[in-house]
Amino acid sequence: MKFDQIGYSSGAYFQRRSVGETPGFQIDLLFIRDDNVVVIGEVKYQEAPNMSEIAQQLARNETLFKQQQPKYKNYTYKKALITMNNVPPHMSIDYIVSLDDLFKGV
């Protein structure tokens, strides 16, 4: 994703139980960067994932994360998809990582 020169923390994010009116949710991969950017990632290993559903899931996770973690409300948010499939060019995702990308140079 080419932000290796920027410090960050990463991992999965889980909020299993509902908090107030906010439902529980999971983020497959989350990067909180030192330059005040949060990257919300979705990992899909399916033959033909529904890209519209993925875009909706990423948007939902961003909204829920902002509600649960107000200290990041003024950060810039970006979306990432890690997938084994080609992604249509019209998808509004900031970072798309394919299996080929993961295995380059191995």
PDB file of N, CA and C in Angstrom:
ATOM      1  N   MET A   1       0.829  -1.200   0.000  1.00  0.00           N
ATOM      2  CA  MET A   1       0.000   0.000   0.000  1.00  0.00           C
ATOM      3  C   MET A   1       0.863   1.250   0.000  1.00  0.00           C
ATOM      4  N   LYS A   2       2.143   1.039   0.063  1.00  0.00           N
ATOM      5  CA  LYS A   2       3.134   2.091  -0.152  1.00  0.00           C
ATOM      6  C   LYS A   2       3.082   3.220   0.876  1.00  0.00           C
ATOM      7  N   PHE A   3       2.818   2.892   2.112  1.00  0.00           N
ATOM      8  CA  PHE A   3       2.990   3.896   3.155  1.00  0.00           C
ATOM      9  C   PHE A   3       3.965   3.382   4.203  1.00  0.00           C
ATOM     10  N   ASP A   4       4.947   2.624   3.741  1.00  0.00           N
ATOM     11  CA  ASP A   4       5.923   2.021   4.647  1.00  0.00           C
ATOM     12  C   ASP A   4       6.856   3.043   5.295  1.00  0.00           C
ATOM     13  N   GLN A   5       6.924   4.246   4.776  1.00  0.00           N
ATOM     14  CA  GLN A   5       7.765   5.282   5.378  1.00  0.00           C
ATOM     15  C   GLN A   5       7.038   6.040   6.492  1.00  0.00           C
ATOM     16  N   ILE A   6       5.775   5.689   6.722  1.00  0.00           N
ATOM     17  CA  ILE A   6       4.952   6.335   7.741  1.00  0.00           C
ATOM     18  C   ILE A   6       4.752   5.338   8.881  1.00  0.00           C
ATOM     19  N   GLY A   7       4.935   5.776  10.099  1.00  0.00           N
ATOM     20  CA  GLY A   7       4.695   4.902  11.231  1.00  0.00           C
ATOM     21  C   GLY A   7       3.215   4.574  11.349  1.00  0.00           C
ATOM     22  N   TYR A   8       2.919   3.381  11.827  1.00  0.00           N
ATOM     23  CA  TYR A   8       1.517   2.987  11.990  1.00  0.00           C
ATOM     24  C   TYR A   8       1.409   1.827  12.971  1.00  0.00           C
ATOM     25  N   SER A   9       0.207   1.646  13.468  1.00  0.00           N
ATOM     26  CA  SER A   9      -0.126   0.434  14.208  1.00  0.00           C
ATOM     27  C   SER A   9      -1.208  -0.270  13.395  1.00  0.00           C
ATOM     28  N   SER A  10      -1.250  -1.591  13.490  1.00  0.00           N
ATOM     29  CA  SER A  10      -2.203  -2.324  12.659  1.00  0.00           C
ATOM     30  C   SER A  10      -2.711  -3.567  13.370  1.00  0.00           C
ATOM     31  N   GLY A  11      -3.792  -4.082  12.859  1.00  0.00           N
ATOM     32  CA  GLY A  11      -4.378  -5.310  13.377  1.00  0.00           C
ATOM     33  C   GLY A  11      -5.851  -5.362  13.034  1.00  0.00           C
ATOM     34  N   ALA A  12      -6.502  -6.394  13.503  1.00  0.00           N
ATOM     35  CA  ALA A  12      -7.954  -6.495  13.346  1.00  0.00           C
ATOM     36  C   ALA A  12      -8.608  -5.662  14.450  1.00  0.00           C
ATOM     37  N   TYR A  13      -9.854  -5.290  14.230  1.00  0.00           N
ATOM     38  CA  TYR A  13     -10.592  -4.526  15.233  1.00  0.00           C
ATOM     39  C   TYR A  13     -11.929  -5.223  15.456  1.00  0.00           C
ATOM     40  N   PHE A  14     -12.263  -5.474  16.707  1.00  0.00           N
ATOM     41  CA  PHE A  14     -13.510  -6.140  17.043  1.00  0.00           C
ATOM     42  C   PHE A  14     -14.288  -5.327  18.059  1.00  0.00           C
ATOM     43  N   GLN A  15     -15.551  -5.153  17.806  1.00  0.00           N
ATOM     44  CA  GLN A  15     -16.488  -4.622  18.795  1.00  0.00           C
ATOM     45  C   GLN A  15     -17.673  -5.580  18.735  1.00  0.00           C
ATOM     46  N   ARG A  16     -17.555  -6.688  19.448  1.00  0.00           N
ATOM     47  CA  ARG A  16     -18.518  -7.790  19.345  1.00  0.00           C
ATOM     48  C   ARG A  16     -19.910  -7.430  19.867  1.00  0.00           C
ATOM     49  N   ARG A  17     -19.947  -6.687  20.932  1.00  0.00           N
ATOM     50  CA  ARG A  17     -21.262  -6.412  21.505  1.00  0.00           C
ATOM     51  C   ARG A  17     -21.730  -5.013  21.115  1.00  0.00           C
ATOM     52  N   SER A  18     -23.025  -4.858  21.117  1.00  0.00           N
ATOM     53  CA  SER A  18     -23.595  -3.557  20.828  1.00  0.00           C
ATOM     54  C   SER A  18     -23.299  -2.611  21.978  1.00  0.00           C
ATOM     55  N   VAL A  19     -23.099  -1.352  21.641  1.00  0.00           N
ATOM     56  CA  VAL A  19     -22.883  -0.313  22.636  1.00  0.00           C
ATOM     57  C   VAL A  19     -23.955   0.748  22.390  1.00  0.00           C
ATOM     58  N   GLY A  20     -24.906   0.831  23.308  1.00  0.00           N
ATOM     59  CA  GLY A  20     -26.028   1.727  23.089  1.00  0.00           C
ATOM     60  C   GLY A  20     -26.804   1.271  21.863  1.00  0.00           C
ATOM     61  N   GLU A  21     -26.988   2.169  20.926  1.00  0.00           N
ATOM     62  CA  GLU A  21     -27.694   1.832  19.696  1.00  0.00           C
ATOM     63  C   GLU A  21     -26.746   1.407  18.580  1.00  0.00           C
ATOM     64  N   THR A  22     -25.441   1.414  18.854  1.00  0.00           N
ATOM     65  CA  THR A  22     -24.451   1.032  17.846  1.00  0.00           C
ATOM     66  C   THR A  22     -24.233  -0.478  17.892  1.00  0.00           C
ATOM     67  N   PRO A  23     -24.459  -1.163  16.753  1.00  0.00           N
ATOM     68  CA  PRO A  23     -24.287  -2.620  16.746  1.00  0.00           C
ATOM     69  C   PRO A  23     -22.816  -3.018  16.811  1.00  0.00           C
ATOM     70  N   GLY A  24     -22.564  -4.256  17.205  1.00  0.00           N
ATOM     71  CA  GLY A  24     -21.211  -4.779  17.168  1.00  0.00           C
ATOM     72  C   GLY A  24     -20.748  -4.924  15.726  1.00  0.00           C
ATOM     73  N   PHE A  25     -19.421  -4.952  15.512  1.00  0.00           N
ATOM     74  CA  PHE A  25     -18.890  -5.076  14.161  1.00  0.00           C
ATOM     75  C   PHE A  25     -17.443  -5.530  14.214  1.00  0.00           C
ATOM     76  N   GLN A  26     -16.907  -5.860  13.042  1.00  0.00           N
ATOM     77  CA  GLN A  26     -15.524  -6.317  12.918  1.00  0.00           C
ATOM     78  C   GLN A  26     -14.876  -5.644  11.715  1.00  0.00           C
ATOM     79  N   ILE A  27     -13.625  -5.232  11.889  1.00  0.00           N
ATOM     80  CA  ILE A  27     -12.821  -4.714  10.779  1.00  0.00           C
ATOM     81  C   ILE A  27     -11.692  -5.715  10.577  1.00  0.00           C
ATOM     82  N   ASP A  28     -11.583  -6.255   9.356  1.00  0.00           N
ATOM     83  CA  ASP A  28     -10.592  -7.296   9.081  1.00  0.00           C
ATOM     84  C   ASP A  28      -9.162  -6.805   9.290  1.00  0.00           C
ATOM     85  N   LEU A  29      -8.874  -5.612   8.828  1.00  0.00           N
ATOM     86  CA  LEU A  29      -7.526  -5.061   8.934  1.00  0.00           C
ATOM     87  C   LEU A  29      -7.634  -3.550   9.080  1.00  0.00           C
ATOM     88  N   LEU A  30      -6.997  -3.023  10.115  1.00  0.00           N
ATOM     89  CA  LEU A  30      -7.075  -1.596  10.419  1.00  0.00           C
ATOM     90  C   LEU A  30      -5.664  -1.055  10.603  1.00  0.00           C
ATOM     91  N   PHE A  31      -5.363   0.029   9.916  1.00  0.00           N
ATOM     92  CA  PHE A  31      -4.088   0.730  10.099  1.00  0.00           C
ATOM     93  C   PHE A  31      -4.403   2.104  10.664  1.00  0.00           C
ATOM     94  N   ILE A  32      -3.751   2.468  11.757  1.00  0.00           N
ATOM     95  CA  ILE A  32      -3.852   3.822  12.282  1.00  0.00           C
ATOM     96  C   ILE A  32      -2.468   4.421  12.108  1.00  0.00           C
ATOM     97  N   ARG A  33      -2.382   5.358  11.174  1.00  0.00           N
ATOM     98  CA  ARG A  33      -1.093   5.898  10.775  1.00  0.00           C
ATOM     99  C   ARG A  33      -0.733   7.138  11.580  1.00  0.00           C
ATOM    100  N   ASP A  34       0.580   7.382  11.678  1.00  0.00           N
ATOM    101  CA  ASP A  34       1.092   8.540  12.415  1.00  0.00           C
ATOM    102  C   ASP A  34       0.777   9.867  11.734  1.00  0.00           C
ATOM    103  N   ASP A  35       0.373   9.825  10.465  1.00  0.00           N
ATOM    104  CA  ASP A  35       0.027  11.058   9.752  1.00  0.00           C
ATOM    105  C   ASP A  35      -1.481  11.341   9.807  1.00  0.00           C
ATOM    106  N   ASN A  36      -2.148  10.799  10.841  1.00  0.00           N
ATOM    107  CA  ASN A  36      -3.578  11.027  11.088  1.00  0.00           C
ATOM    108  C   ASN A  36      -4.474  10.491   9.977  1.00  0.00           C
ATOM    109  N   VAL A  37      -4.133   9.305   9.502  1.00  0.00           N
ATOM    110  CA  VAL A  37      -4.944   8.599   8.516  1.00  0.00           C
ATOM    111  C   VAL A  37      -5.306   7.238   9.102  1.00  0.00           C
ATOM    112  N   VAL A  38      -6.569   6.871   8.956  1.00  0.00           N
ATOM    113  CA  VAL A  38      -7.045   5.548   9.338  1.00  0.00           C
ATOM    114  C   VAL A  38      -7.394   4.814   8.053  1.00  0.00           C
ATOM    115  N   VAL A  39      -6.824   3.615   7.883  1.00  0.00           N
ATOM    116  CA  VAL A  39      -7.125   2.788   6.715  1.00  0.00           C
ATOM    117  C   VAL A  39      -7.940   1.598   7.205  1.00  0.00           C
ATOM    118  N   ILE A  40      -9.154   1.488   6.691  1.00  0.00           N
ATOM    119  CA  ILE A  40     -10.043   0.397   7.049  1.00  0.00           C
ATOM    120  C   ILE A  40      -9.995  -0.621   5.924  1.00  0.00           C
ATOM    121  N   GLY A  41      -9.610  -1.851   6.268  1.00  0.00           N
ATOM    122  CA  GLY A  41      -9.427  -2.871   5.247  1.00  0.00           C
ATOM    123  C   GLY A  41     -10.405  -4.018   5.354  1.00  0.00           C
ATOM    124  N   GLU A  42     -10.724  -4.553   4.207  1.00  0.00           N
ATOM    125  CA  GLU A  42     -11.579  -5.727   4.089  1.00  0.00           C
ATOM    126  C   GLU A  42     -10.786  -6.781   3.342  1.00  0.00           C
ATOM    127  N   VAL A  43     -10.807  -8.006   3.830  1.00  0.00           N
ATOM    128  CA  VAL A  43     -10.103  -9.108   3.186  1.00  0.00           C
ATOM    129  C   VAL A  43     -11.151 -10.074   2.654  1.00  0.00           C
ATOM    130  N   LYS A  44     -11.107 -10.345   1.343  1.00  0.00           N
ATOM    131  CA  LYS A  44     -12.085 -11.240   0.716  1.00  0.00           C
ATOM    132  C   LYS A  44     -11.365 -12.318  -0.060  1.00  0.00           C
ATOM    133  N   TYR A  45     -11.701 -13.559   0.270  1.00  0.00           N
ATOM    134  CA  TYR A  45     -11.149 -14.702  -0.436  1.00  0.00           C
ATOM    135  C   TYR A  45     -12.337 -15.475  -0.997  1.00  0.00           C
ATOM    136  N   GLN A  46     -12.905 -14.925  -2.067  1.00  0.00           N
ATOM    137  CA  GLN A  46     -14.068 -15.527  -2.717  1.00  0.00           C
ATOM    138  C   GLN A  46     -13.833 -15.504  -4.218  1.00  0.00           C
ATOM    139  N   GLU A  47     -14.471 -16.438  -4.903  1.00  0.00           N
ATOM    140  CA  GLU A  47     -14.353 -16.472  -6.361  1.00  0.00           C
ATOM    141  C   GLU A  47     -14.964 -15.231  -7.007  1.00  0.00           C
ATOM    142  N   ALA A  48     -16.136 -14.853  -6.559  1.00  0.00           N
ATOM    143  CA  ALA A  48     -16.825 -13.711  -7.171  1.00  0.00           C
ATOM    144  C   ALA A  48     -17.493 -12.875  -6.086  1.00  0.00           C
ATOM    145  N   PRO A  49     -16.731 -12.099  -5.350  1.00  0.00           N
ATOM    146  CA  PRO A  49     -17.342 -11.291  -4.286  1.00  0.00           C
ATOM    147  C   PRO A  49     -18.216 -10.191  -4.871  1.00  0.00           C
ATOM    148  N   ASN A  50     -19.236  -9.836  -4.146  1.00  0.00           N
ATOM    149  CA  ASN A  50     -20.131  -8.764  -4.562  1.00  0.00           C
ATOM    150  C   ASN A  50     -19.478  -7.435  -4.182  1.00  0.00           C
ATOM    151  N   MET A  51     -18.957  -6.732  -5.190  1.00  0.00           N
ATOM    152  CA  MET A  51     -18.203  -5.503  -4.927  1.00  0.00           C
ATOM    153  C   MET A  51     -19.072  -4.405  -4.329  1.00  0.00           C
ATOM    154  N   SER A  52     -20.330  -4.379  -4.673  1.00  0.00           N
ATOM    155  CA  SER A  52     -21.229  -3.385  -4.096  1.00  0.00           C
ATOM    156  C   SER A  52     -21.385  -3.623  -2.593  1.00  0.00           C
ATOM    157  N   GLU A  53     -21.506  -4.888  -2.215  1.00  0.00           N
ATOM    158  CA  GLU A  53     -21.610  -5.220  -0.793  1.00  0.00           C
ATOM    159  C   GLU A  53     -20.320  -4.884  -0.045  1.00  0.00           C
ATOM    160  N   ILE A  54     -19.186  -5.110  -0.689  1.00  0.00           N
ATOM    161  CA  ILE A  54     -17.901  -4.785  -0.061  1.00  0.00           C
ATOM    162  C   ILE A  54     -17.795  -3.286   0.184  1.00  0.00           C
ATOM    163  N   ALA A  55     -18.168  -2.487  -0.802  1.00  0.00           N
ATOM    164  CA  ALA A  55     -18.130  -1.028  -0.645  1.00  0.00           C
ATOM    165  C   ALA A  55     -19.053  -0.581   0.493  1.00  0.00           C
ATOM    166  N   GLN A  56     -20.231  -1.188   0.580  1.00  0.00           N
ATOM    167  CA  GLN A  56     -21.163  -0.856   1.658  1.00  0.00           C
ATOM    168  C   GLN A  56     -20.600  -1.263   3.019  1.00  0.00           C
ATOM    169  N   GLN A  57     -19.964  -2.427   3.077  1.00  0.00           N
ATOM    170  CA  GLN A  57     -19.373  -2.901   4.328  1.00  0.00           C
ATOM    171  C   GLN A  57     -18.257  -1.974   4.798  1.00  0.00           C
ATOM    172  N   LEU A  58     -17.406  -1.547   3.867  1.00  0.00           N
ATOM    173  CA  LEU A  58     -16.330  -0.616   4.224  1.00  0.00           C
ATOM    174  C   LEU A  58     -16.894   0.699   4.750  1.00  0.00           C
ATOM    175  N   ALA A  59     -17.919   1.229   4.084  1.00  0.00           N
ATOM    176  CA  ALA A  59     -18.540   2.483   4.521  1.00  0.00           C
ATOM    177  C   ALA A  59     -19.184   2.312   5.904  1.00  0.00           C
ATOM    178  N   ARG A  60     -19.855   1.186   6.111  1.00  0.00           N
ATOM    179  CA  ARG A  60     -20.489   0.909   7.411  1.00  0.00           C
ATOM    180  C   ARG A  60     -19.428   0.812   8.507  1.00  0.00           C
ATOM    181  N   ASN A  61     -18.347   0.091   8.229  1.00  0.00           N
ATOM    182  CA  ASN A  61     -17.294  -0.047   9.232  1.00  0.00           C
ATOM    183  C   ASN A  61     -16.657   1.293   9.576  1.00  0.00           C
ATOM    184  N   GLU A  62     -16.494   2.151   8.579  1.00  0.00           N
ATOM    185  CA  GLU A  62     -15.950   3.488   8.853  1.00  0.00           C
ATOM    186  C   GLU A  62     -16.875   4.258   9.788  1.00  0.00           C
ATOM    187  N   THR A  63     -18.162   4.248   9.493  1.00  0.00           N
ATOM    188  CA  THR A  63     -19.131   4.960  10.322  1.00  0.00           C
ATOM    189  C   THR A  63     -19.139   4.423  11.749  1.00  0.00           C
ATOM    190  N   LEU A  64     -19.163   3.091  11.895  1.00  0.00           N
ATOM    191  CA  LEU A  64     -19.205   2.492  13.226  1.00  0.00           C
ATOM    192  C   LEU A  64     -17.910   2.736  13.997  1.00  0.00           C
ATOM    193  N   PHE A  65     -16.768   2.664  13.305  1.00  0.00           N
ATOM    194  CA  PHE A  65     -15.493   2.924  13.972  1.00  0.00           C
ATOM    195  C   PHE A  65     -15.437   4.367  14.485  1.00  0.00           C
ATOM    196  N   LYS A  66     -15.885   5.302  13.678  1.00  0.00           N
ATOM    197  CA  LYS A  66     -15.898   6.704  14.113  1.00  0.00           C
ATOM    198  C   LYS A  66     -16.788   6.889  15.343  1.00  0.00           C
ATOM    199  N   GLN A  67     -17.916   6.188  15.383  1.00  0.00           N
ATOM    200  CA  GLN A  67     -18.807   6.283  16.538  1.00  0.00           C
ATOM    201  C   GLN A  67     -18.169   5.682  17.782  1.00  0.00           C
ATOM    202  N   GLN A  68     -17.472   4.572  17.616  1.00  0.00           N
ATOM    203  CA  GLN A  68     -16.870   3.877  18.752  1.00  0.00           C
ATOM    204  C   GLN A  68     -15.557   4.507  19.212  1.00  0.00           C
ATOM    205  N   GLN A  69     -14.859   5.166  18.300  1.00  0.00           N
ATOM    206  CA  GLN A  69     -13.538   5.726  18.602  1.00  0.00           C
ATOM    207  C   GLN A  69     -13.507   7.222  18.249  1.00  0.00           C
ATOM    208  N   PRO A  70     -14.197   8.055  19.007  1.00  0.00           N
ATOM    209  CA  PRO A  70     -14.287   9.475  18.663  1.00  0.00           C
ATOM    210  C   PRO A  70     -12.938  10.195  18.653  1.00  0.00           C
ATOM    211  N   LYS A  71     -11.909   9.632  19.284  1.00  0.00           N
ATOM    212  CA  LYS A  71     -10.606  10.304  19.261  1.00  0.00           C
ATOM    213  C   LYS A  71     -10.023  10.350  17.848  1.00  0.00           C
ATOM    214  N   TYR A  72     -10.562   9.541  16.931  1.00  0.00           N
ATOM    215  CA  TYR A  72     -10.094   9.549  15.537  1.00  0.00           C
ATOM    216  C   TYR A  72     -11.050  10.287  14.598  1.00  0.00           C
ATOM    217  N   LYS A  73     -11.963  11.065  15.145  1.00  0.00           N
ATOM    218  CA  LYS A  73     -12.974  11.713  14.302  1.00  0.00           C
ATOM    219  C   LYS A  73     -12.388  12.716  13.320  1.00  0.00           C
ATOM    220  N   ASN A  74     -11.261  13.337  13.641  1.00  0.00           N
ATOM    221  CA  ASN A  74     -10.669  14.333  12.738  1.00  0.00           C
ATOM    222  C   ASN A  74      -9.593  13.738  11.823  1.00  0.00           C
ATOM    223  N   TYR A  75      -9.446  12.435  11.829  1.00  0.00           N
ATOM    224  CA  TYR A  75      -8.497  11.764  10.942  1.00  0.00           C
ATOM    225  C   TYR A  75      -9.090  11.658   9.537  1.00  0.00           C
ATOM    226  N   THR A  76      -8.231  11.479   8.564  1.00  0.00           N
ATOM    227  CA  THR A  76      -8.664  11.165   7.201  1.00  0.00           C
ATOM    228  C   THR A  76      -8.872   9.663   7.131  1.00  0.00           C
ATOM    229  N   TYR A  77      -9.917   9.235   6.462  1.00  0.00           N
ATOM    230  CA  TYR A  77     -10.216   7.806   6.341  1.00  0.00           C
ATOM    231  C   TYR A  77     -10.015   7.341   4.908  1.00  0.00           C
ATOM    232  N   LYS A  78      -9.381   6.183   4.788  1.00  0.00           N
ATOM    233  CA  LYS A  78      -9.180   5.553   3.490  1.00  0.00           C
ATOM    234  C   LYS A  78      -9.623   4.100   3.600  1.00  0.00           C
ATOM    235  N   LYS A  79      -9.925   3.526   2.436  1.00  0.00           N
ATOM    236  CA  LYS A  79     -10.418   2.156   2.385  1.00  0.00           C
ATOM    237  C   LYS A  79      -9.437   1.271   1.623  1.00  0.00           C
ATOM    238  N   ALA A  80      -9.325   0.015   2.074  1.00  0.00           N
ATOM    239  CA  ALA A  80      -8.439  -0.951   1.432  1.00  0.00           C
ATOM    240  C   ALA A  80      -9.181  -2.266   1.234  1.00  0.00           C
ATOM    241  N   LEU A  81      -8.847  -2.936   0.134  1.00  0.00           N
ATOM    242  CA  LEU A  81      -9.400  -4.253  -0.150  1.00  0.00           C
ATOM    243  C   LEU A  81      -8.258  -5.179  -0.524  1.00  0.00           C
ATOM    244  N   ILE A  82      -8.178  -6.290   0.186  1.00  0.00           N
ATOM    245  CA  ILE A  82      -7.214  -7.334  -0.145  1.00  0.00           C
ATOM    246  C   ILE A  82      -8.035  -8.492  -0.688  1.00  0.00           C
ATOM    247  N   THR A  83      -7.744  -8.889  -1.932  1.00  0.00           N
ATOM    248  CA  THR A  83      -8.585  -9.880  -2.595  1.00  0.00           C
ATOM    249  C   THR A  83      -7.790 -10.708  -3.583  1.00  0.00           C
ATOM    250  N   MET A  84      -8.316 -11.868  -3.936  1.00  0.00           N
ATOM    251  CA  MET A  84      -7.682 -12.705  -4.940  1.00  0.00           C
ATOM    252  C   MET A  84      -8.232 -12.403  -6.326  1.00  0.00           C
ATOM    253  N   ASN A  85      -9.194 -11.492  -6.418  1.00  0.00           N
ATOM    254  CA  ASN A  85      -9.877 -11.211  -7.676  1.00  0.00           C
ATOM    255  C   ASN A  85      -9.518  -9.847  -8.235  1.00  0.00           C
ATOM    256  N   ASN A  86      -9.832  -9.666  -9.506  1.00  0.00           N
ATOM    257  CA  ASN A  86      -9.707  -8.341 -10.108  1.00  0.00           C
ATOM    258  C   ASN A  86     -10.854  -7.479  -9.603  1.00  0.00           C
ATOM    259  N   VAL A  87     -10.575  -6.232  -9.415  1.00  0.00           N
ATOM    260  CA  VAL A  87     -11.573  -5.304  -8.906  1.00  0.00           C
ATOM    261  C   VAL A  87     -11.946  -4.339 -10.016  1.00  0.00           C
ATOM    262  N   PRO A  88     -13.237  -4.120 -10.228  1.00  0.00           N
ATOM    263  CA  PRO A  88     -13.647  -3.176 -11.276  1.00  0.00           C
ATOM    264  C   PRO A  88     -13.054  -1.794 -11.031  1.00  0.00           C
ATOM    265  N   PRO A  89     -12.657  -1.100 -12.104  1.00  0.00           N
ATOM    266  CA  PRO A  89     -12.005   0.205 -11.941  1.00  0.00           C
ATOM    267  C   PRO A  89     -12.897   1.274 -11.323  1.00  0.00           C
ATOM    268  N   HIS A  90     -14.205   1.093 -11.347  1.00  0.00           N
ATOM    269  CA  HIS A  90     -15.103   2.114 -10.793  1.00  0.00           C
ATOM    270  C   HIS A  90     -15.230   2.045  -9.273  1.00  0.00           C
ATOM    271  N   MET A  91     -14.631   1.049  -8.652  1.00  0.00           N
ATOM    272  CA  MET A  91     -14.711   0.934  -7.196  1.00  0.00           C
ATOM    273  C   MET A  91     -13.974   2.103  -6.542  1.00  0.00           C
ATOM    274  N   SER A  92     -14.598   2.709  -5.567  1.00  0.00           N
ATOM    275  CA  SER A  92     -13.970   3.838  -4.874  1.00  0.00           C
ATOM    276  C   SER A  92     -13.242   3.329  -3.631  1.00  0.00           C
ATOM    277  N   ILE A  93     -12.149   2.610  -3.890  1.00  0.00           N
ATOM    278  CA  ILE A  93     -11.325   2.061  -2.827  1.00  0.00           C
ATOM    279  C   ILE A  93      -9.917   2.605  -3.018  1.00  0.00           C
ATOM    280  N   ASP A  94      -9.318   3.106  -1.957  1.00  0.00           N
ATOM    281  CA  ASP A  94      -8.023   3.775  -2.050  1.00  0.00           C
ATOM    282  C   ASP A  94      -6.868   2.814  -2.303  1.00  0.00           C
ATOM    283  N   TYR A  95      -6.928   1.631  -1.681  1.00  0.00           N
ATOM    284  CA  TYR A  95      -5.851   0.656  -1.835  1.00  0.00           C
ATOM    285  C   TYR A  95      -6.465  -0.689  -2.216  1.00  0.00           C
ATOM    286  N   ILE A  96      -5.986  -1.264  -3.298  1.00  0.00           N
ATOM    287  CA  ILE A  96      -6.417  -2.598  -3.704  1.00  0.00           C
ATOM    288  C   ILE A  96      -5.165  -3.459  -3.769  1.00  0.00           C
ATOM    289  N   VAL A  97      -5.160  -4.530  -2.999  1.00  0.00           N
ATOM    290  CA  VAL A  97      -4.012  -5.420  -2.931  1.00  0.00           C
ATOM    291  C   VAL A  97      -4.482  -6.810  -3.374  1.00  0.00           C
ATOM    292  N   SER A  98      -3.842  -7.345  -4.395  1.00  0.00           N
ATOM    293  CA  SER A  98      -4.192  -8.671  -4.893  1.00  0.00           C
ATOM    294  C   SER A  98      -3.241  -9.710  -4.305  1.00  0.00           C
ATOM    295  N   LEU A  99      -3.577 -10.973  -4.495  1.00  0.00           N
ATOM    296  CA  LEU A  99      -2.664 -12.033  -4.060  1.00  0.00           C
ATOM    297  C   LEU A  99      -1.338 -11.922  -4.780  1.00  0.00           C
ATOM    298  N   ASP A 100      -1.369 -11.535  -6.056  1.00  0.00           N
ATOM    299  CA  ASP A 100      -0.129 -11.347  -6.800  1.00  0.00           C
ATOM    300  C   ASP A 100       0.745 -10.287  -6.127  1.00  0.00           C
ATOM    301  N   ASP A 101       0.124  -9.196  -5.679  1.00  0.00           N
ATOM    302  CA  ASP A 101       0.876  -8.142  -4.996  1.00  0.00           C
ATOM    303  C   ASP A 101       1.537  -8.674  -3.717  1.00  0.00           C
ATOM    304  N   LEU A 102       0.816  -9.525  -3.007  1.00  0.00           N
ATOM    305  CA  LEU A 102       1.350 -10.054  -1.752  1.00  0.00           C
ATOM    306  C   LEU A 102       2.538 -10.969  -1.964  1.00  0.00           C
ATOM    307  N   PHE A 103       2.562 -11.685  -3.101  1.00  0.00           N
ATOM    308  CA  PHE A 103       3.614 -12.660  -3.328  1.00  0.00           C
ATOM    309  C   PHE A 103       4.744 -12.147  -4.218  1.00  0.00           C
ATOM    310  N   LYS A 104       4.680 -10.912  -4.681  1.00  0.00           N
ATOM    311  CA  LYS A 104       5.775 -10.351  -5.467  1.00  0.00           C
ATOM    312  C   LYS A 104       7.033 -10.277  -4.609  1.00  0.00           C
ATOM    313  N   GLY A 105       8.105 -10.726  -5.172  1.00  0.00           N
ATOM    314  CA  GLY A 105       9.381 -10.640  -4.465  1.00  0.00           C
ATOM    315  C   GLY A 105       9.606 -11.706  -3.427  1.00  0.00           C
ATOM    316  N   VAL A 106       8.679 -12.667  -3.324  1.00  0.00           N
ATOM    317  CA  VAL A 106       8.855 -13.743  -2.330  1.00  0.00           C
ATOM    318  C   VAL A 106       9.719 -14.830  -2.910  1.00  0.00           C
TER     319      VAL A 106
END
